[in-house]
Protein backbone atom coordinates (compact mmCIF):
# COMPACT_ATOMS: atom_id res chain seq x y z
CA TRP A 1 16.33 -8.82 2.03
CA LEU A 2 14.85 -8.95 5.50
CA LYS A 3 16.18 -5.44 6.13
CA ALA A 4 14.06 -4.27 3.19
CA VAL A 5 11.01 -5.91 4.77
CA TYR A 6 11.69 -4.10 8.06
CA ARG A 7 12.12 -0.77 6.27
CA VAL A 8 8.82 -1.15 4.42
CA ASN A 9 7.03 -2.00 7.66
CA LEU A 10 8.61 1.02 9.35
CA ALA A 11 7.50 3.25 6.47
CA LEU A 12 3.91 1.96 6.79
CA VAL A 13 3.85 2.77 10.49
CA MET A 14 5.44 6.19 9.93
CA PHE A 15 2.85 7.06 7.26
CA ASN A 16 0.03 6.11 9.62
CA ILE A 17 1.14 8.19 12.62
CA PRO A 18 0.40 11.74 11.34
CA GLY A 19 -3.06 10.77 10.12
CA SER A 20 -3.97 8.93 13.28
CA LEU A 21 -2.70 11.60 15.65
CA TRP A 22 -3.34 14.94 13.95
CA LEU A 23 -4.46 15.17 10.34
CA HIS A 24 -7.86 13.43 10.60
CA ALA A 25 -8.83 15.68 13.51
CA MET A 26 -7.90 18.71 11.38
CA GLY A 27 -10.19 17.55 8.57
CA ILE A 28 -7.37 16.76 6.15
CA GLN A 29 -8.23 13.80 3.87
CA TYR A 30 -4.98 12.02 4.69
CA ASP A 31 -6.79 8.69 4.41
CA ARG A 32 -6.57 8.74 0.62
CA PHE A 33 -2.81 9.18 0.61
CA LEU A 34 -2.45 6.57 3.34
CA HIS A 35 -4.39 3.92 1.40
CA LEU A 36 -2.47 4.68 -1.79
CA ALA A 37 0.90 4.46 -0.01
CA ALA A 38 -0.10 1.39 2.00
CA GLY A 39 -1.33 -0.37 -1.15
CA LEU A 40 1.97 0.34 -2.90
CA LEU A 41 4.26 -0.54 0.01
CA THR A 42 2.32 -3.65 1.05
CA THR A 43 2.41 -4.87 -2.55
CA LEU A 44 6.19 -4.48 -2.55
CA LEU A 45 6.39 -6.34 0.74
CA ILE A 46 4.21 -9.23 -0.45
CA ALA A 47 6.06 -9.39 -3.79
CA LEU A 48 9.42 -9.52 -2.03
CA CYS A 49 8.20 -12.36 0.19
CA ALA A 50 6.71 -14.16 -2.83
CA PHE A 51 10.04 -13.75 -4.61
CA ALA A 52 11.96 -15.24 -1.66
CA LEU A 53 9.52 -18.14 -1.31
CA GLN A 54 9.73 -18.91 -5.02
CA GLN A 55 13.53 -18.77 -4.88
CA THR A 56 13.40 -21.32 -2.07
CA PHE A 57 10.63 -23.73 -3.05
CA PHE A 58 10.29 -23.42 -6.84
CA TRP A 59 13.97 -23.40 -7.89
CA GLY A 60 13.98 -19.76 -8.81
CA ALA A 61 11.52 -16.93 -9.02
CA VAL A 62 9.53 -16.19 -12.16
CA LYS A 63 8.45 -12.59 -12.69
CA ARG A 64 4.97 -13.50 -13.89
CA ARG A 65 4.30 -15.73 -10.85
CA VAL A 66 5.55 -13.07 -8.40
CA VAL A 67 3.31 -10.40 -9.96
CA ILE A 68 0.25 -12.69 -10.12
CA TRP A 69 0.64 -14.01 -6.55
CA SER A 70 1.18 -10.52 -5.21
CA GLY A 71 -1.67 -9.04 -7.21
CA VAL A 72 -4.21 -11.69 -6.25
CA GLY A 73 -3.15 -11.49 -2.61
CA MET A 74 -3.37 -7.71 -2.53
CA PHE A 75 -6.66 -7.39 -4.42
CA ALA A 76 -8.28 -9.92 -2.09
CA GLY A 77 -6.58 -8.42 0.96
CA VAL A 78 -7.62 -4.84 0.24
CA PHE A 79 -11.23 -5.79 -0.31
CA LEU A 80 -11.48 -8.16 2.66
CA TRP A 81 -9.75 -5.72 5.04
CA GLU A 82 -12.06 -2.87 4.09
CA LEU A 83 -15.10 -5.15 4.29
CA LEU A 84 -14.05 -6.25 7.79
CA GLN A 85 -13.67 -2.62 8.89
CA PHE A 86 -17.04 -1.72 7.37
CA ILE A 87 -18.78 -4.64 9.14
CA ILE A 88 -17.17 -3.85 12.51
CA ASP A 89 -18.26 -0.20 12.32
CA ARG A 90 -21.78 -1.08 11.16
CA MET A 91 -22.34 -3.80 13.76
CA SER A 92 -20.84 -1.93 16.70
CA GLY A 93 -22.07 1.54 15.75
CA SER A 94 -18.51 2.80 16.16
CA ARG A 95 -16.53 5.14 13.94
CA LEU A 96 -13.18 3.47 14.36
CA PHE A 97 -12.34 2.86 10.73
CA TYR A 98 -13.63 5.81 8.75
CA ASP A 99 -13.46 9.56 8.60
CA VAL A 100 -16.39 11.00 10.57
CA ALA A 101 -16.82 13.84 8.07
CA GLN A 102 -17.57 11.34 5.30
CA ASP A 103 -20.29 8.77 4.73
CA ILE A 104 -19.06 5.27 5.61
CA ARG A 105 -20.03 3.90 2.18
CA VAL A 106 -18.05 6.60 0.38
CA ASP A 107 -15.08 5.97 2.68
CA PHE A 108 -15.34 2.22 2.01
CA MET A 109 -15.28 2.71 -1.76
CA GLU A 110 -12.52 5.34 -1.67
CA ASP A 111 -10.33 3.19 0.56
CA ILE A 112 -10.68 0.24 -1.81
CA GLY A 113 -10.08 2.45 -4.85
CA PHE A 114 -6.95 4.12 -3.49
CA GLY A 115 -5.64 0.82 -2.09
CA LEU A 116 -6.04 -0.83 -5.48
CA LEU A 117 -4.37 2.11 -7.25
CA GLY A 118 -1.42 1.70 -4.90
CA THR A 119 -1.44 -2.04 -5.59
CA ILE A 120 -1.37 -1.48 -9.35
CA GLY A 121 1.50 0.98 -8.94
CA GLY A 122 3.39 -1.52 -6.80
CA LEU A 123 2.85 -4.34 -9.28
CA TRP A 124 4.06 -2.13 -12.12
CA TRP A 125 7.16 -1.19 -10.09
CA VAL A 126 7.93 -4.84 -9.32
CA HIS A 127 7.42 -5.86 -12.96
CA ARG A 128 9.42 -3.02 -14.52
CA ARG A 129 12.16 -2.31 -12.01
CA LEU A 130 12.50 -4.32 -8.82
CA PHE A 131 12.35 -7.94 -9.96
CA GLU A 132 15.76 -7.94 -11.64
CA GLN A 133 17.30 -6.01 -8.75
CA TRP A 134 15.99 -8.59 -6.30
CA ARG A 135 17.71 -11.37 -8.27
CA LYS A 136 21.04 -9.84 -7.23
CA PHE A 137 20.52 -9.94 -3.48
CA VAL A 138 17.61 -12.21 -2.48
CA GLN A 139 18.89 -15.67 -1.70
CA PRO A 140 16.77 -18.76 -1.03
CA ILE A 141 15.56 -19.13 2.55
CA THR A 142 17.61 -21.67 4.49
CA SER A 143 17.20 -22.89 8.04
């Protein structure tokens, strides 16, 4: 299951590269896609880790617990991350975390919205498809 974690992390980095290097400078609103994809993939990553931890410490994973833990973690994480970026840009006067062609408040709300849409999609995917597949190959963590 750790290979799946590495693949998701690699996908997140690969999604970020075109936006950071080229697409933002060209005026393409890649940020929306990036937040949607990152919300989805990060939810899968957190859910997979929650599944493994539950397998280890709670004598088996329960679908409802995995979805709730992942959802609460992601909803809080998306909001807090965007709030941190907003505060850094406001306090420093920089434009590190938002598209310069867009008002920072609009960017803040869009990033949260698209991140949460990705999160909801990821939670649905875990609930409907992935949970039972994970039962087949995710073993409890041992030292």
